[in-house]
Amino acid sequence: MSDERVPSPSNPADDWKMWLVVNPATWLMPILFSLLVLGIAIHFYVFSIPGMGWTLAS
């Protein structure tokens, strides 16, 4: 085994490195669109249950 140690991050000086992986310019819109699709799918499912839509329950 090697005696070399991985240097610990020096926050906040090394915070910019996280944004190389989690870049909002790349991931924000796909995440928001997937949340929109998920929300629409949940609403379609809930409104398909009898008595849960806008029609009056008999």
N, C-alpha and C. Protein backbone atom coordinates (compact mmCIF):
# COMPACT_ATOMS: atom_id res chain seq x y z
N MET A 1 0.83 -1.19 0.00
CA MET A 1 0.00 0.00 0.00
C MET A 1 0.87 1.25 0.00
N SER A 2 0.34 2.27 -0.54
CA SER A 2 1.06 3.52 -0.63
C SER A 2 0.78 4.38 0.60
N ASP A 3 1.78 5.17 0.95
CA ASP A 3 1.62 6.08 2.09
C ASP A 3 1.03 7.41 1.69
N GLU A 4 0.72 7.56 0.39
CA GLU A 4 0.14 8.82 -0.08
C GLU A 4 -1.29 8.94 0.41
N ARG A 5 -1.63 10.12 0.86
CA ARG A 5 -2.99 10.37 1.32
C ARG A 5 -3.67 11.35 0.37
N VAL A 6 -4.96 11.16 0.21
CA VAL A 6 -5.74 12.08 -0.61
C VAL A 6 -5.97 13.34 0.20
N PRO A 7 -5.63 14.49 -0.35
CA PRO A 7 -5.81 15.72 0.42
C PRO A 7 -7.30 15.99 0.66
N SER A 8 -7.61 16.41 1.86
CA SER A 8 -9.00 16.73 2.17
C SER A 8 -9.37 18.04 1.50
N PRO A 9 -10.64 18.19 1.15
CA PRO A 9 -11.06 19.42 0.46
C PRO A 9 -10.93 20.64 1.37
N SER A 10 -10.59 21.73 0.76
CA SER A 10 -10.48 23.00 1.48
C SER A 10 -11.71 23.83 1.15
N ASN A 11 -12.78 23.62 1.90
CA ASN A 11 -14.02 24.34 1.64
C ASN A 11 -13.92 25.74 2.22
N PRO A 12 -14.46 26.74 1.63
CA PRO A 12 -15.19 26.79 0.36
C PRO A 12 -14.30 26.98 -0.86
N ALA A 13 -12.99 26.92 -0.71
CA ALA A 13 -12.10 27.15 -1.86
C ALA A 13 -12.26 26.08 -2.93
N ASP A 14 -12.64 24.85 -2.55
CA ASP A 14 -12.79 23.76 -3.52
C ASP A 14 -14.23 23.51 -3.93
N ASP A 15 -15.14 24.39 -3.57
CA ASP A 15 -16.55 24.19 -3.91
C ASP A 15 -16.80 24.21 -5.41
N TRP A 16 -15.98 24.90 -6.16
CA TRP A 16 -16.18 24.98 -7.60
C TRP A 16 -16.07 23.60 -8.26
N LYS A 17 -15.34 22.67 -7.64
CA LYS A 17 -15.16 21.35 -8.23
C LYS A 17 -16.47 20.56 -8.26
N MET A 18 -17.33 20.79 -7.28
CA MET A 18 -18.61 20.09 -7.26
C MET A 18 -19.46 20.49 -8.47
N TRP A 19 -19.39 21.76 -8.86
CA TRP A 19 -20.22 22.23 -9.97
C TRP A 19 -19.73 21.72 -11.32
N LEU A 20 -18.54 21.13 -11.37
CA LEU A 20 -18.11 20.47 -12.60
C LEU A 20 -18.91 19.19 -12.83
N VAL A 21 -19.36 18.57 -11.74
CA VAL A 21 -20.15 17.34 -11.83
C VAL A 21 -21.63 17.67 -11.84
N VAL A 22 -22.08 18.51 -10.91
CA VAL A 22 -23.49 18.87 -10.77
C VAL A 22 -23.65 20.27 -11.35
N ASN A 23 -23.65 20.36 -12.64
CA ASN A 23 -23.73 21.65 -13.31
C ASN A 23 -25.20 21.99 -13.58
N PRO A 24 -25.72 23.06 -12.97
CA PRO A 24 -27.13 23.40 -13.19
C PRO A 24 -27.46 23.69 -14.65
N ALA A 25 -26.50 24.21 -15.40
CA ALA A 25 -26.76 24.50 -16.81
C ALA A 25 -27.02 23.21 -17.59
N THR A 26 -26.51 22.10 -17.10
CA THR A 26 -26.70 20.82 -17.78
C THR A 26 -27.91 20.07 -17.25
N TRP A 27 -28.12 20.06 -15.93
CA TRP A 27 -29.07 19.15 -15.31
C TRP A 27 -30.37 19.79 -14.85
N LEU A 28 -30.43 21.11 -14.70
CA LEU A 28 -31.61 21.74 -14.12
C LEU A 28 -32.86 21.54 -14.98
N MET A 29 -32.79 21.82 -16.27
CA MET A 29 -33.97 21.70 -17.12
C MET A 29 -34.43 20.25 -17.28
N PRO A 30 -33.55 19.27 -17.49
CA PRO A 30 -34.04 17.88 -17.53
C PRO A 30 -34.70 17.44 -16.22
N ILE A 31 -34.17 17.87 -15.09
CA ILE A 31 -34.79 17.52 -13.81
C ILE A 31 -36.16 18.16 -13.70
N LEU A 32 -36.29 19.44 -14.07
CA LEU A 32 -37.58 20.11 -13.98
C LEU A 32 -38.60 19.50 -14.94
N PHE A 33 -38.16 19.13 -16.16
CA PHE A 33 -39.08 18.49 -17.10
C PHE A 33 -39.51 17.12 -16.61
N SER A 34 -38.60 16.37 -15.99
CA SER A 34 -39.00 15.06 -15.47
C SER A 34 -39.96 15.21 -14.30
N LEU A 35 -39.78 16.23 -13.46
CA LEU A 35 -40.74 16.49 -12.39
C LEU A 35 -42.11 16.90 -12.95
N LEU A 36 -42.12 17.67 -14.04
CA LEU A 36 -43.37 18.04 -14.68
C LEU A 36 -44.10 16.81 -15.21
N VAL A 37 -43.37 15.93 -15.89
CA VAL A 37 -43.97 14.69 -16.42
C VAL A 37 -44.48 13.83 -15.28
N LEU A 38 -43.72 13.70 -14.21
CA LEU A 38 -44.15 12.92 -13.06
C LEU A 38 -45.41 13.52 -12.43
N GLY A 39 -45.46 14.83 -12.28
CA GLY A 39 -46.64 15.48 -11.72
C GLY A 39 -47.88 15.30 -12.58
N ILE A 40 -47.72 15.41 -13.89
CA ILE A 40 -48.85 15.20 -14.80
C ILE A 40 -49.33 13.75 -14.74
N ALA A 41 -48.39 12.80 -14.68
CA ALA A 41 -48.77 11.38 -14.60
C ALA A 41 -49.52 11.10 -13.30
N ILE A 42 -49.08 11.67 -12.20
CA ILE A 42 -49.78 11.46 -10.92
C ILE A 42 -51.18 12.06 -10.98
N HIS A 43 -51.32 13.24 -11.57
CA HIS A 43 -52.63 13.86 -11.67
C HIS A 43 -53.57 13.04 -12.56
N PHE A 44 -53.06 12.53 -13.69
CA PHE A 44 -53.89 11.68 -14.54
C PHE A 44 -54.36 10.44 -13.79
N TYR A 45 -53.48 9.85 -12.99
CA TYR A 45 -53.86 8.66 -12.23
C TYR A 45 -54.91 9.01 -11.18
N VAL A 46 -54.69 10.07 -10.43
CA VAL A 46 -55.63 10.43 -9.37
C VAL A 46 -56.99 10.81 -9.95
N PHE A 47 -57.01 11.55 -11.05
CA PHE A 47 -58.28 11.94 -11.65
C PHE A 47 -58.99 10.77 -12.31
N SER A 48 -58.29 9.67 -12.58
CA SER A 48 -58.95 8.51 -13.17
C SER A 48 -59.67 7.67 -12.11
N ILE A 49 -59.38 7.89 -10.85
CA ILE A 49 -60.06 7.16 -9.77
C ILE A 49 -61.48 7.68 -9.66
N PRO A 50 -62.49 6.81 -9.64
CA PRO A 50 -63.88 7.28 -9.55
C PRO A 50 -64.10 8.11 -8.27
N GLY A 51 -64.74 9.24 -8.45
CA GLY A 51 -65.05 10.12 -7.34
C GLY A 51 -63.94 11.11 -7.00
N MET A 52 -62.82 11.03 -7.69
CA MET A 52 -61.69 11.93 -7.39
C MET A 52 -61.55 13.06 -8.40
N GLY A 53 -62.32 13.05 -9.48
CA GLY A 53 -62.20 14.08 -10.49
C GLY A 53 -63.11 15.26 -10.19
N TRP A 54 -63.45 16.01 -11.24
CA TRP A 54 -64.32 17.16 -11.09
C TRP A 54 -65.79 16.84 -11.24
N THR A 55 -66.12 15.58 -11.51
CA THR A 55 -67.53 15.19 -11.64
C THR A 55 -68.10 14.92 -10.25
N LEU A 56 -69.40 15.08 -10.13
CA LEU A 56 -70.05 14.84 -8.85
C LEU A 56 -70.18 13.35 -8.59
N ALA A 57 -69.86 12.96 -7.38
CA ALA A 57 -70.00 11.56 -6.99
C ALA A 57 -71.49 11.25 -6.78
N SER A 58 -71.97 10.16 -7.31
CA SER A 58 -73.39 9.81 -7.17
C SER A 58 -73.66 9.05 -5.91
